[in-house]
Amino acid sequence: MEAIVKNMSRSFSADIDAFRQHLKEAMSSNVMIVDQVARYLVRRKGKQLRPMLVLAAARTIAEPTNRSYLAAVVVELLHTATLVHDDVVDEAELRRGFPTINKIWKNKISILMGDYLLSKSLITATEIGHLGLMNIIANVAKRMSKGELLQIQKSRKLNINEEEYFQLISDKTASLFSACCELGAITVDATSGQRELLKSFGENLGIAFQIKDDLLDYQSKSTILGKPVGHDLKDKKITLPLIYAFQTSENHDRKKVVRMLKNGVKHNDIRFIADFIQSHDGIQKATATANYYRDLALSDLAKLPPSEARDNLEDLARFVVERKK
């Protein structure tokens, strides 16, 4: 994943530099603890895929504007806020191999810092001065929260079905991908048709991305993935490979797997469930579904004018389902 993102960064290096300068300004304050935590977050930034989506989507239509850079800041602040809050909810101690904010500064500061980043995201959105853009950001924040709550509910009851799974990943992951691409279009005054194509591209890309993420929980070695294989199972998260396996398995086998999840999976349980999924074509079917949404994303892009930015987004769509981590 890092290779394709680095390639996008090289293609739009001036855009990324402008975005990072705006981000630095947005995260600064006159409160020492806020600046201290903000510097820690910036130093350990991720791939910054979402702001790059904003800028690449904008460039498929026209040169990015100052509004484009601000929109990229908005989505990065929103995404970072959700990660900080997620780490508190999950009681996570590591993020990208480094101690989480809650591990260093404890939950109270983590929650307040997440709230601060969310408020800065919304304030930055108002500076753009586009009511439709602000509505998109507010709606995506709502959808992401709703997706997290649905996931918690389903991990407790262990009864998620295929339709609910797609609703969950659409809200939790794809909504922000979609918003990134739509915001990029808005900031360069794209036509309504171009805006809808980029919005749809982002949604389909996000769904493919999340399905692949869920597949990697069974396919990767922990040293490659950066988290233990079977992490989702330990968190009692039933994802698409397991849902597909349930659909073609015997009732007593399904009950055995659910019982393992309820009791807390052990090392041998993970191996058993992984074999169960493999033997019932869960991996194969989920891979085919990820490829289906990748193809939908590519179909959306094909209707836009040829450009380097479009080429980069096409490469990204192909890579999200081929990656190893």
C-alpha atoms as a PDB file:
ATOM      1  CA  MET A   1       0.000   0.000   0.000  1.00  0.00           C
ATOM      2  CA  GLU A   2       2.831   2.358   0.879  1.00  0.00           C
ATOM      3  CA  ALA A   3       4.366   2.016  -2.598  1.00  0.00           C
ATOM      4  CA  ILE A   4       1.248   3.163  -4.439  1.00  0.00           C
ATOM      5  CA  VAL A   5       0.690   6.024  -1.996  1.00  0.00           C
ATOM      6  CA  LYS A   6       4.310   7.123  -2.376  1.00  0.00           C
ATOM      7  CA  ASN A   7       3.833   7.114  -6.134  1.00  0.00           C
ATOM      8  CA  MET A   8       0.779   9.356  -5.736  1.00  0.00           C
ATOM      9  CA  SER A   9       2.778  11.615  -3.411  1.00  0.00           C
ATOM     10  CA  ARG A  10       5.469  12.002  -6.075  1.00  0.00           C
ATOM     11  CA  SER A  11       2.893  12.769  -8.751  1.00  0.00           C
ATOM     12  CA  PHE A  12       1.308  15.480  -6.618  1.00  0.00           C
ATOM     13  CA  SER A  13       4.265  16.498  -4.440  1.00  0.00           C
ATOM     14  CA  ALA A  14       3.454  20.217  -4.569  1.00  0.00           C
ATOM     15  CA  ASP A  15      -0.170  19.475  -3.640  1.00  0.00           C
ATOM     16  CA  ILE A  16       0.907  17.292  -0.703  1.00  0.00           C
ATOM     17  CA  ASP A  17       3.341  19.958   0.529  1.00  0.00           C
ATOM     18  CA  ALA A  18       0.588  22.583   0.420  1.00  0.00           C
ATOM     19  CA  PHE A  19      -1.795  20.267   2.244  1.00  0.00           C
ATOM     20  CA  ARG A  20       0.736  19.507   4.992  1.00  0.00           C
ATOM     21  CA  GLN A  21       1.381  23.191   5.578  1.00  0.00           C
ATOM     22  CA  HIS A  22      -2.348  23.805   5.964  1.00  0.00           C
ATOM     23  CA  LEU A  23      -2.599  20.776   8.287  1.00  0.00           C
ATOM     24  CA  LYS A  24       0.227  22.049  10.476  1.00  0.00           C
ATOM     25  CA  GLU A  25      -1.531  25.393  10.858  1.00  0.00           C
ATOM     26  CA  ALA A  26      -4.885  23.749  11.612  1.00  0.00           C
ATOM     27  CA  MET A  27      -3.460  21.510  14.360  1.00  0.00           C
ATOM     28  CA  SER A  28      -1.560  24.276  16.167  1.00  0.00           C
ATOM     29  CA  SER A  29      -2.919  25.985  19.269  1.00  0.00           C
ATOM     30  CA  ASN A  30      -1.786  28.027  22.250  1.00  0.00           C
ATOM     31  CA  VAL A  31      -2.273  25.117  24.659  1.00  0.00           C
ATOM     32  CA  MET A  32       0.921  23.198  25.395  1.00  0.00           C
ATOM     33  CA  ILE A  33      -0.632  19.741  25.846  1.00  0.00           C
ATOM     34  CA  VAL A  34      -2.621  20.087  22.609  1.00  0.00           C
ATOM     35  CA  ASP A  35       0.498  21.034  20.662  1.00  0.00           C
ATOM     36  CA  GLN A  36       2.481  18.240  22.305  1.00  0.00           C
ATOM     37  CA  VAL A  37      -0.046  15.557  21.355  1.00  0.00           C
ATOM     38  CA  ALA A  38      -0.541  17.092  17.897  1.00  0.00           C
ATOM     39  CA  ARG A  39       3.214  16.950  17.201  1.00  0.00           C
ATOM     40  CA  TYR A  40       3.232  13.303  18.249  1.00  0.00           C
ATOM     41  CA  LEU A  41       0.386  12.539  15.843  1.00  0.00           C
ATOM     42  CA  VAL A  42       2.011  14.430  12.956  1.00  0.00           C
ATOM     43  CA  ARG A  43       5.374  12.691  13.440  1.00  0.00           C
ATOM     44  CA  ARG A  44       3.613   9.319  13.308  1.00  0.00           C
ATOM     45  CA  LYS A  45       1.294  10.158  10.455  1.00  0.00           C
ATOM     46  CA  GLY A  46      -0.039   7.297   8.377  1.00  0.00           C
ATOM     47  CA  LYS A  47      -0.144   7.085   4.618  1.00  0.00           C
ATOM     48  CA  GLN A  48      -2.478  10.111   4.442  1.00  0.00           C
ATOM     49  CA  LEU A  49      -4.425   8.280   1.755  1.00  0.00           C
ATOM     50  CA  ARG A  50      -7.655  10.196   2.352  1.00  0.00           C
ATOM     51  CA  PRO A  51      -6.296  13.719   1.769  1.00  0.00           C
ATOM     52  CA  MET A  52      -4.528  12.383  -1.315  1.00  0.00           C
ATOM     53  CA  LEU A  53      -7.884  11.124  -2.558  1.00  0.00           C
ATOM     54  CA  VAL A  54      -9.280  14.646  -2.207  1.00  0.00           C
ATOM     55  CA  LEU A  55      -6.430  16.155  -4.214  1.00  0.00           C
ATOM     56  CA  ALA A  56      -6.288  13.409  -6.861  1.00  0.00           C
ATOM     57  CA  ALA A  57     -10.075  13.604  -7.340  1.00  0.00           C
ATOM     58  CA  ALA A  58      -9.804  17.367  -7.761  1.00  0.00           C
ATOM     59  CA  ARG A  59      -7.018  16.957 -10.341  1.00  0.00           C
ATOM     60  CA  THR A  60      -9.140  14.624 -12.475  1.00  0.00           C
ATOM     61  CA  ILE A  61     -11.196  17.759 -13.187  1.00  0.00           C
ATOM     62  CA  ALA A  62      -8.924  20.792 -12.761  1.00  0.00           C
ATOM     63  CA  GLU A  63      -6.040  22.314 -10.780  1.00  0.00           C
ATOM     64  CA  PRO A  64      -6.634  22.056  -7.025  1.00  0.00           C
ATOM     65  CA  THR A  65      -7.617  25.298  -5.335  1.00  0.00           C
ATOM     66  CA  ASN A  66      -7.050  26.579  -1.816  1.00  0.00           C
ATOM     67  CA  ARG A  67     -10.450  25.060  -1.015  1.00  0.00           C
ATOM     68  CA  SER A  68      -9.074  21.675  -2.138  1.00  0.00           C
ATOM     69  CA  TYR A  69      -6.210  21.852   0.370  1.00  0.00           C
ATOM     70  CA  LEU A  70      -8.572  22.896   3.144  1.00  0.00           C
ATOM     71  CA  ALA A  71     -10.924  20.009   2.267  1.00  0.00           C
ATOM     72  CA  ALA A  72      -7.959  17.615   2.450  1.00  0.00           C
ATOM     73  CA  VAL A  73      -7.185  18.992   5.927  1.00  0.00           C
ATOM     74  CA  VAL A  74     -10.829  18.540   6.957  1.00  0.00           C
ATOM     75  CA  VAL A  75     -10.858  14.821   6.099  1.00  0.00           C
ATOM     76  CA  GLU A  76      -7.446  14.166   7.660  1.00  0.00           C
ATOM     77  CA  LEU A  77      -8.509  15.823  10.926  1.00  0.00           C
ATOM     78  CA  LEU A  78     -11.778  13.889  10.929  1.00  0.00           C
ATOM     79  CA  HIS A  79     -10.017  10.586  10.193  1.00  0.00           C
ATOM     80  CA  THR A  80      -7.379  11.189  12.875  1.00  0.00           C
ATOM     81  CA  ALA A  81     -10.064  12.073  15.418  1.00  0.00           C
ATOM     82  CA  THR A  82     -11.853   8.784  14.755  1.00  0.00           C
ATOM     83  CA  LEU A  83      -8.609   6.815  15.126  1.00  0.00           C
ATOM     84  CA  VAL A  84      -7.851   8.459  18.474  1.00  0.00           C
ATOM     85  CA  HIS A  85     -11.355   7.657  19.706  1.00  0.00           C
ATOM     86  CA  ASP A  86     -11.218   4.113  18.283  1.00  0.00           C
ATOM     87  CA  ASP A  87      -8.030   3.378  20.214  1.00  0.00           C
ATOM     88  CA  VAL A  88      -9.794   4.357  23.445  1.00  0.00           C
ATOM     89  CA  VAL A  89     -12.819   2.177  22.633  1.00  0.00           C
ATOM     90  CA  ASP A  90     -10.607  -0.771  21.631  1.00  0.00           C
ATOM     91  CA  GLU A  91      -8.170  -0.192  24.530  1.00  0.00           C
ATOM     92  CA  ALA A  92      -5.429  -0.356  21.901  1.00  0.00           C
ATOM     93  CA  GLU A  93      -1.840   0.180  22.986  1.00  0.00           C
ATOM     94  CA  LEU A  94      -0.233   0.402  19.530  1.00  0.00           C
ATOM     95  CA  ARG A  95      -1.105   2.245  16.341  1.00  0.00           C
ATOM     96  CA  ARG A  96       1.175   1.744  13.310  1.00  0.00           C
ATOM     97  CA  GLY A  97       3.724   0.158  15.624  1.00  0.00           C
ATOM     98  CA  PHE A  98       3.887   3.127  18.028  1.00  0.00           C
ATOM     99  CA  PRO A  99       2.210   3.668  21.414  1.00  0.00           C
ATOM    100  CA  THR A 100      -1.274   5.149  21.085  1.00  0.00           C
ATOM    101  CA  ILE A 101      -2.289   8.486  22.581  1.00  0.00           C
ATOM    102  CA  ASN A 102      -4.271   6.726  25.303  1.00  0.00           C
ATOM    103  CA  LYS A 103      -1.271   4.520  26.133  1.00  0.00           C
ATOM    104  CA  ILE A 104       0.911   7.610  26.739  1.00  0.00           C
ATOM    105  CA  TRP A 105      -1.534  10.262  27.952  1.00  0.00           C
ATOM    106  CA  LYS A 106      -4.420   8.021  29.147  1.00  0.00           C
ATOM    107  CA  ASN A 107      -8.072   8.046  28.111  1.00  0.00           C
ATOM    108  CA  LYS A 108      -9.172  11.477  29.323  1.00  0.00           C
ATOM    109  CA  ILE A 109      -6.658  13.377  27.190  1.00  0.00           C
ATOM    110  CA  SER A 110      -7.214  10.974  24.289  1.00  0.00           C
ATOM    111  CA  ILE A 111     -10.956  11.588  24.241  1.00  0.00           C
ATOM    112  CA  LEU A 112     -10.549  15.356  24.579  1.00  0.00           C
ATOM    113  CA  MET A 113      -7.878  15.391  21.858  1.00  0.00           C
ATOM    114  CA  GLY A 114     -10.182  13.447  19.554  1.00  0.00           C
ATOM    115  CA  ASP A 115     -12.929  15.974  20.295  1.00  0.00           C
ATOM    116  CA  TYR A 116     -10.508  18.827  19.586  1.00  0.00           C
ATOM    117  CA  LEU A 117      -9.512  17.362  16.215  1.00  0.00           C
ATOM    118  CA  LEU A 118     -13.158  16.806  15.289  1.00  0.00           C
ATOM    119  CA  SER A 119     -14.050  20.391  16.171  1.00  0.00           C
ATOM    120  CA  LYS A 120     -11.058  21.686  14.173  1.00  0.00           C
ATOM    121  CA  SER A 121     -12.251  19.606  11.228  1.00  0.00           C
ATOM    122  CA  LEU A 122     -15.688  21.221  11.363  1.00  0.00           C
ATOM    123  CA  ILE A 123     -14.252  24.723  11.859  1.00  0.00           C
ATOM    124  CA  THR A 124     -11.951  24.267   8.852  1.00  0.00           C
ATOM    125  CA  ALA A 125     -14.956  23.115   6.821  1.00  0.00           C
ATOM    126  CA  THR A 126     -16.758  26.373   7.629  1.00  0.00           C
ATOM    127  CA  GLU A 127     -13.733  28.343   6.371  1.00  0.00           C
ATOM    128  CA  ILE A 128     -14.283  26.863   2.905  1.00  0.00           C
ATOM    129  CA  GLY A 129     -17.657  28.581   2.834  1.00  0.00           C
ATOM    130  CA  HIS A 130     -19.622  25.917   0.968  1.00  0.00           C
ATOM    131  CA  LEU A 131     -22.812  24.762   2.691  1.00  0.00           C
ATOM    132  CA  GLY A 132     -23.002  21.520   0.693  1.00  0.00           C
ATOM    133  CA  LEU A 133     -19.437  20.634   1.694  1.00  0.00           C
ATOM    134  CA  MET A 134     -20.189  21.203   5.373  1.00  0.00           C
ATOM    135  CA  ASN A 135     -23.270  19.006   5.075  1.00  0.00           C
ATOM    136  CA  ILE A 136     -21.181  16.192   3.561  1.00  0.00           C
ATOM    137  CA  ILE A 137     -18.681  16.342   6.432  1.00  0.00           C
ATOM    138  CA  ALA A 138     -21.390  16.373   9.100  1.00  0.00           C
ATOM    139  CA  ASN A 139     -23.158  13.450   7.427  1.00  0.00           C
ATOM    140  CA  VAL A 140     -20.005  11.358   7.078  1.00  0.00           C
ATOM    141  CA  ALA A 141     -19.151  11.938  10.755  1.00  0.00           C
ATOM    142  CA  LYS A 142     -22.621  10.669  11.636  1.00  0.00           C
ATOM    143  CA  ARG A 143     -22.288   7.625   9.356  1.00  0.00           C
ATOM    144  CA  MET A 144     -18.888   6.669  10.753  1.00  0.00           C
ATOM    145  CA  SER A 145     -20.190   6.838  14.322  1.00  0.00           C
ATOM    146  CA  LYS A 146     -23.243   4.809  13.341  1.00  0.00           C
ATOM    147  CA  GLY A 147     -21.025   2.178  11.730  1.00  0.00           C
ATOM    148  CA  GLU A 148     -18.882   1.885  14.872  1.00  0.00           C
ATOM    149  CA  LEU A 149     -21.976   1.478  17.051  1.00  0.00           C
ATOM    150  CA  LEU A 150     -23.390  -1.190  14.734  1.00  0.00           C
ATOM    151  CA  GLN A 151     -20.094  -3.061  14.867  1.00  0.00           C
ATOM    152  CA  ILE A 152     -20.085  -3.010  18.674  1.00  0.00           C
ATOM    153  CA  GLN A 153     -23.693  -4.212  18.749  1.00  0.00           C
ATOM    154  CA  LYS A 154     -23.016  -7.060  16.328  1.00  0.00           C
ATOM    155  CA  SER A 155     -19.812  -8.145  18.074  1.00  0.00           C
ATOM    156  CA  ARG A 156     -21.877  -8.597  21.228  1.00  0.00           C
ATOM    157  CA  LYS A 157     -24.684 -10.567  19.596  1.00  0.00           C
ATOM    158  CA  LEU A 158     -22.544 -12.322  16.925  1.00  0.00           C
ATOM    159  CA  ASN A 159     -25.470 -12.297  14.491  1.00  0.00           C
ATOM    160  CA  ILE A 160     -24.383 -10.058  11.636  1.00  0.00           C
ATOM    161  CA  ASN A 161     -25.623 -10.998   8.155  1.00  0.00           C
ATOM    162  CA  GLU A 162     -24.327 -10.046   4.712  1.00  0.00           C
ATOM    163  CA  GLU A 163     -26.644  -7.055   4.288  1.00  0.00           C
ATOM    164  CA  GLU A 164     -25.710  -5.659   7.709  1.00  0.00           C
ATOM    165  CA  TYR A 165     -22.013  -6.200   6.978  1.00  0.00           C
ATOM    166  CA  PHE A 166     -22.205  -4.073   3.844  1.00  0.00           C
ATOM    167  CA  GLN A 167     -24.145  -1.381   5.689  1.00  0.00           C
ATOM    168  CA  LEU A 168     -21.465  -1.410   8.390  1.00  0.00           C
ATOM    169  CA  ILE A 169     -18.461  -1.076   6.076  1.00  0.00           C
ATOM    170  CA  SER A 170     -20.270   1.456   3.905  1.00  0.00           C
ATOM    171  CA  ASP A 171     -20.828   3.669   6.951  1.00  0.00           C
ATOM    172  CA  LYS A 172     -17.582   2.965   8.791  1.00  0.00           C
ATOM    173  CA  THR A 173     -15.096   3.056   5.896  1.00  0.00           C
ATOM    174  CA  ALA A 174     -16.549   3.760   2.458  1.00  0.00           C
ATOM    175  CA  SER A 175     -18.444   6.883   3.554  1.00  0.00           C
ATOM    176  CA  LEU A 176     -15.194   8.793   4.129  1.00  0.00           C
ATOM    177  CA  PHE A 177     -13.589   7.528   0.906  1.00  0.00           C
ATOM    178  CA  SER A 178     -16.688   8.678  -0.950  1.00  0.00           C
ATOM    179  CA  ALA A 179     -16.716  12.054   0.811  1.00  0.00           C
ATOM    180  CA  CYS A 180     -13.020  12.614  -0.017  1.00  0.00           C
ATOM    181  CA  CYS A 181     -13.638  12.195  -3.729  1.00  0.00           C
ATOM    182  CA  GLU A 182     -16.841  14.237  -3.729  1.00  0.00           C
ATOM    183  CA  LEU A 183     -15.180  17.049  -1.783  1.00  0.00           C
ATOM    184  CA  GLY A 184     -12.317  17.126  -4.274  1.00  0.00           C
ATOM    185  CA  ALA A 185     -14.852  17.533  -7.078  1.00  0.00           C
ATOM    186  CA  ILE A 186     -16.762  20.289  -5.268  1.00  0.00           C
ATOM    187  CA  THR A 187     -13.623  22.356  -4.611  1.00  0.00           C
ATOM    188  CA  VAL A 188     -12.838  22.632  -8.345  1.00  0.00           C
ATOM    189  CA  ASP A 189     -16.445  23.304  -9.425  1.00  0.00           C
ATOM    190  CA  ALA A 190     -16.974  19.958 -11.145  1.00  0.00           C
ATOM    191  CA  THR A 191     -20.250  19.332 -12.928  1.00  0.00           C
ATOM    192  CA  SER A 192     -22.940  17.400 -11.071  1.00  0.00           C
ATOM    193  CA  GLY A 193     -22.218  14.385 -13.293  1.00  0.00           C
ATOM    194  CA  GLN A 194     -18.472  14.459 -12.527  1.00  0.00           C
ATOM    195  CA  ARG A 195     -19.198  14.904  -8.840  1.00  0.00           C
ATOM    196  CA  GLU A 196     -21.493  11.851  -8.781  1.00  0.00           C
ATOM    197  CA  LEU A 197     -18.935   9.715 -10.622  1.00  0.00           C
ATOM    198  CA  LEU A 198     -16.174  10.595  -8.164  1.00  0.00           C
ATOM    199  CA  LYS A 199     -18.510  10.096  -5.199  1.00  0.00           C
ATOM    200  CA  SER A 200     -19.464   6.647  -6.512  1.00  0.00           C
ATOM    201  CA  PHE A 201     -15.820   5.807  -7.225  1.00  0.00           C
ATOM    202  CA  GLY A 202     -14.904   6.617  -3.621  1.00  0.00           C
ATOM    203  CA  GLU A 203     -17.741   4.510  -2.207  1.00  0.00           C
ATOM    204  CA  ASN A 204     -16.835   1.469  -4.316  1.00  0.00           C
ATOM    205  CA  LEU A 205     -13.129   1.913  -3.601  1.00  0.00           C
ATOM    206  CA  GLY A 206     -13.832   2.094   0.140  1.00  0.00           C
ATOM    207  CA  ILE A 207     -15.917  -1.095   0.098  1.00  0.00           C
ATOM    208  CA  ALA A 208     -13.213  -2.972  -1.837  1.00  0.00           C
ATOM    209  CA  PHE A 209     -10.585  -1.596   0.553  1.00  0.00           C
ATOM    210  CA  GLN A 210     -12.431  -2.782   3.666  1.00  0.00           C
ATOM    211  CA  ILE A 211     -13.230  -6.241   2.302  1.00  0.00           C
ATOM    212  CA  LYS A 212      -9.541  -6.673   1.501  1.00  0.00           C
ATOM    213  CA  ASP A 213      -8.638  -5.460   4.991  1.00  0.00           C
ATOM    214  CA  ASP A 214     -10.936  -8.132   6.419  1.00  0.00           C
ATOM    215  CA  LEU A 215      -9.406 -10.771   4.143  1.00  0.00           C
ATOM    216  CA  LEU A 216      -5.909  -9.840   5.291  1.00  0.00           C
ATOM    217  CA  ASP A 217      -6.862 -10.835   8.827  1.00  0.00           C
ATOM    218  CA  TYR A 218      -6.809 -14.424   7.561  1.00  0.00           C
ATOM    219  CA  GLN A 219      -4.246 -14.195   4.756  1.00  0.00           C
ATOM    220  CA  SER A 220      -1.240 -12.301   6.112  1.00  0.00           C
ATOM    221  CA  LYS A 221       1.537 -13.131   8.484  1.00  0.00           C
ATOM    222  CA  SER A 222       1.385 -10.915  11.554  1.00  0.00           C
ATOM    223  CA  THR A 223       4.800  -9.423  10.757  1.00  0.00           C
ATOM    224  CA  ILE A 224       3.475  -8.266   7.386  1.00  0.00           C
ATOM    225  CA  LEU A 225       0.077  -7.072   8.504  1.00  0.00           C
ATOM    226  CA  GLY A 226       1.322  -5.158  11.541  1.00  0.00           C
ATOM    227  CA  LYS A 227      -1.246  -6.775  13.831  1.00  0.00           C
ATOM    228  CA  PRO A 228      -1.825 -10.373  14.941  1.00  0.00           C
ATOM    229  CA  VAL A 229      -3.564 -12.622  12.429  1.00  0.00           C
ATOM    230  CA  GLY A 230      -7.020 -13.351  13.771  1.00  0.00           C
ATOM    231  CA  HIS A 231      -7.250  -9.927  15.406  1.00  0.00           C
ATOM    232  CA  ASP A 232     -10.842  -9.486  14.198  1.00  0.00           C
ATOM    233  CA  LEU A 233     -11.801 -12.868  15.626  1.00  0.00           C
ATOM    234  CA  LYS A 234     -10.338 -11.944  18.992  1.00  0.00           C
ATOM    235  CA  ASP A 235     -12.451  -8.781  18.884  1.00  0.00           C
ATOM    236  CA  LYS A 236     -15.505 -10.929  18.016  1.00  0.00           C
ATOM    237  CA  LYS A 237     -15.866  -9.264  14.612  1.00  0.00           C
ATOM    238  CA  ILE A 238     -17.601 -11.432  12.030  1.00  0.00           C
ATOM    239  CA  THR A 239     -16.489 -10.215   8.587  1.00  0.00           C
ATOM    240  CA  LEU A 240     -17.340 -11.202   5.019  1.00  0.00           C
ATOM    241  CA  PRO A 241     -15.138 -14.332   4.661  1.00  0.00           C
ATOM    242  CA  LEU A 242     -16.770 -15.869   7.728  1.00  0.00           C
ATOM    243  CA  ILE A 243     -20.269 -14.719   6.709  1.00  0.00           C
ATOM    244  CA  TYR A 244     -19.841 -16.468   3.343  1.00  0.00           C
ATOM    245  CA  ALA A 245     -18.538 -19.609   5.048  1.00  0.00           C
ATOM    246  CA  PHE A 246     -21.579 -19.656   7.352  1.00  0.00           C
ATOM    247  CA  GLN A 247     -23.889 -19.535   4.332  1.00  0.00           C
ATOM    248  CA  THR A 248     -22.709 -22.919   3.012  1.00  0.00           C
ATOM    249  CA  SER A 249     -21.843 -24.751   6.243  1.00  0.00           C
ATOM    250  CA  GLU A 250     -23.743 -27.163   8.448  1.00  0.00           C
ATOM    251  CA  ASN A 251     -25.625 -25.734  11.410  1.00  0.00           C
ATOM    252  CA  HIS A 252     -23.538 -27.620  14.007  1.00  0.00           C
ATOM    253  CA  ASP A 253     -20.302 -26.247  12.482  1.00  0.00           C
ATOM    254  CA  ARG A 254     -21.659 -22.696  12.596  1.00  0.00           C
ATOM    255  CA  LYS A 255     -22.661 -23.138  16.223  1.00  0.00           C
ATOM    256  CA  LYS A 256     -19.181 -24.427  17.081  1.00  0.00           C
ATOM    257  CA  VAL A 257     -17.515 -21.349  15.546  1.00  0.00           C
ATOM    258  CA  VAL A 258     -19.939 -18.958  17.267  1.00  0.00           C
ATOM    259  CA  ARG A 259     -19.294 -20.718  20.579  1.00  0.00           C
ATOM    260  CA  MET A 260     -15.552 -20.208  20.129  1.00  0.00           C
ATOM    261  CA  LEU A 261     -16.107 -16.507  19.466  1.00  0.00           C
ATOM    262  CA  LYS A 262     -18.368 -16.109  22.491  1.00  0.00           C
ATOM    263  CA  ASN A 263     -15.852 -17.804  24.784  1.00  0.00           C
ATOM    264  CA  GLY A 264     -12.912 -15.820  23.427  1.00  0.00           C
ATOM    265  CA  VAL A 265     -10.848 -17.388  20.647  1.00  0.00           C
ATOM    266  CA  LYS A 266      -7.575 -19.081  21.485  1.00  0.00           C
ATOM    267  CA  HIS A 267      -4.649 -19.788  19.170  1.00  0.00           C
ATOM    268  CA  ASN A 268      -5.958 -23.198  18.116  1.00  0.00           C
ATOM    269  CA  ASP A 269      -9.436 -21.734  17.579  1.00  0.00           C
ATOM    270  CA  ILE A 270      -8.049 -19.214  15.084  1.00  0.00           C
ATOM    271  CA  ARG A 271      -6.482 -22.027  13.071  1.00  0.00           C
ATOM    272  CA  PHE A 272      -9.736 -23.997  13.142  1.00  0.00           C
ATOM    273  CA  ILE A 273     -11.848 -21.003  12.051  1.00  0.00           C
ATOM    274  CA  ALA A 274      -9.375 -20.084   9.302  1.00  0.00           C
ATOM    275  CA  ASP A 275      -9.549 -23.668   7.969  1.00  0.00           C
ATOM    276  CA  PHE A 276     -13.351 -23.585   8.278  1.00  0.00           C
ATOM    277  CA  ILE A 277     -13.500 -20.407   6.172  1.00  0.00           C
ATOM    278  CA  GLN A 278     -11.094 -21.823   3.587  1.00  0.00           C
ATOM    279  CA  SER A 279     -12.959 -25.112   3.249  1.00  0.00           C
ATOM    280  CA  HIS A 280     -16.274 -23.301   2.677  1.00  0.00           C
ATOM    281  CA  ASP A 281     -14.839 -20.931   0.021  1.00  0.00           C
ATOM    282  CA  GLY A 282     -15.141 -17.858   2.259  1.00  0.00           C
ATOM    283  CA  ILE A 283     -11.798 -16.445   1.113  1.00  0.00           C
ATOM    284  CA  GLN A 284     -12.513 -17.110  -2.567  1.00  0.00           C
ATOM    285  CA  LYS A 285     -15.989 -15.562  -2.450  1.00  0.00           C
ATOM    286  CA  ALA A 286     -14.894 -12.494  -0.466  1.00  0.00           C
ATOM    287  CA  THR A 287     -11.989 -11.957  -2.873  1.00  0.00           C
ATOM    288  CA  ALA A 288     -14.391 -12.098  -5.816  1.00  0.00           C
ATOM    289  CA  THR A 289     -16.630  -9.544  -4.099  1.00  0.00           C
ATOM    290  CA  ALA A 290     -13.699  -7.188  -3.465  1.00  0.00           C
ATOM    291  CA  ASN A 291     -12.774  -7.501  -7.154  1.00  0.00           C
ATOM    292  CA  TYR A 292     -16.382  -6.744  -8.113  1.00  0.00           C
ATOM    293  CA  TYR A 293     -16.327  -3.434  -6.217  1.00  0.00           C
ATOM    294  CA  ARG A 294     -12.875  -2.628  -7.636  1.00  0.00           C
ATOM    295  CA  ASP A 295     -14.333  -3.067 -11.130  1.00  0.00           C
ATOM    296  CA  LEU A 296     -17.254  -0.791 -10.263  1.00  0.00           C
ATOM    297  CA  ALA A 297     -14.757   1.853  -9.120  1.00  0.00           C
ATOM    298  CA  LEU A 298     -12.753   1.502 -12.347  1.00  0.00           C
ATOM    299  CA  SER A 299     -15.955   1.792 -14.368  1.00  0.00           C
ATOM    300  CA  ASP A 300     -16.718   5.110 -12.650  1.00  0.00           C
ATOM    301  CA  LEU A 301     -13.250   6.449 -13.469  1.00  0.00           C
ATOM    302  CA  ALA A 302     -13.451   5.346 -17.106  1.00  0.00           C
ATOM    303  CA  LYS A 303     -16.229   7.909 -17.637  1.00  0.00           C
ATOM    304  CA  LEU A 304     -13.921  10.788 -16.666  1.00  0.00           C
ATOM    305  CA  PRO A 305     -11.437  12.467 -19.053  1.00  0.00           C
ATOM    306  CA  PRO A 306      -7.989  10.802 -19.280  1.00  0.00           C
ATOM    307  CA  SER A 307      -5.383  12.380 -16.992  1.00  0.00           C
ATOM    308  CA  GLU A 308      -2.420  11.506 -14.795  1.00  0.00           C
ATOM    309  CA  ALA A 309      -4.677  11.853 -11.763  1.00  0.00           C
ATOM    310  CA  ARG A 310      -7.168   9.377 -13.214  1.00  0.00           C
ATOM    311  CA  ASP A 311      -4.307   6.954 -13.928  1.00  0.00           C
ATOM    312  CA  ASN A 312      -3.172   7.231 -10.313  1.00  0.00           C
ATOM    313  CA  LEU A 313      -6.664   6.529  -9.012  1.00  0.00           C
ATOM    314  CA  GLU A 314      -6.968   3.532 -11.345  1.00  0.00           C
ATOM    315  CA  ASP A 315      -3.665   2.163 -10.017  1.00  0.00           C
ATOM    316  CA  LEU A 316      -4.912   2.682  -6.479  1.00  0.00           C
ATOM    317  CA  ALA A 317      -8.189   0.843  -7.167  1.00  0.00           C
ATOM    318  CA  ARG A 318      -6.291  -2.152  -8.538  1.00  0.00           C
ATOM    319  CA  PHE A 319      -3.762  -2.129  -5.745  1.00  0.00           C
ATOM    320  CA  VAL A 320      -6.209  -2.083  -2.818  1.00  0.00           C
ATOM    321  CA  VAL A 321      -7.356  -5.628  -3.688  1.00  0.00           C
ATOM    322  CA  GLU A 322      -3.866  -6.937  -4.489  1.00  0.00           C
ATOM    323  CA  ARG A 323      -1.975  -5.627  -1.456  1.00  0.00           C
ATOM    324  CA  LYS A 324      -0.388  -7.886   1.133  1.00  0.00           C
ATOM    325  CA  LYS A 325      -0.854  -5.480   4.050  1.00  0.00           C
END
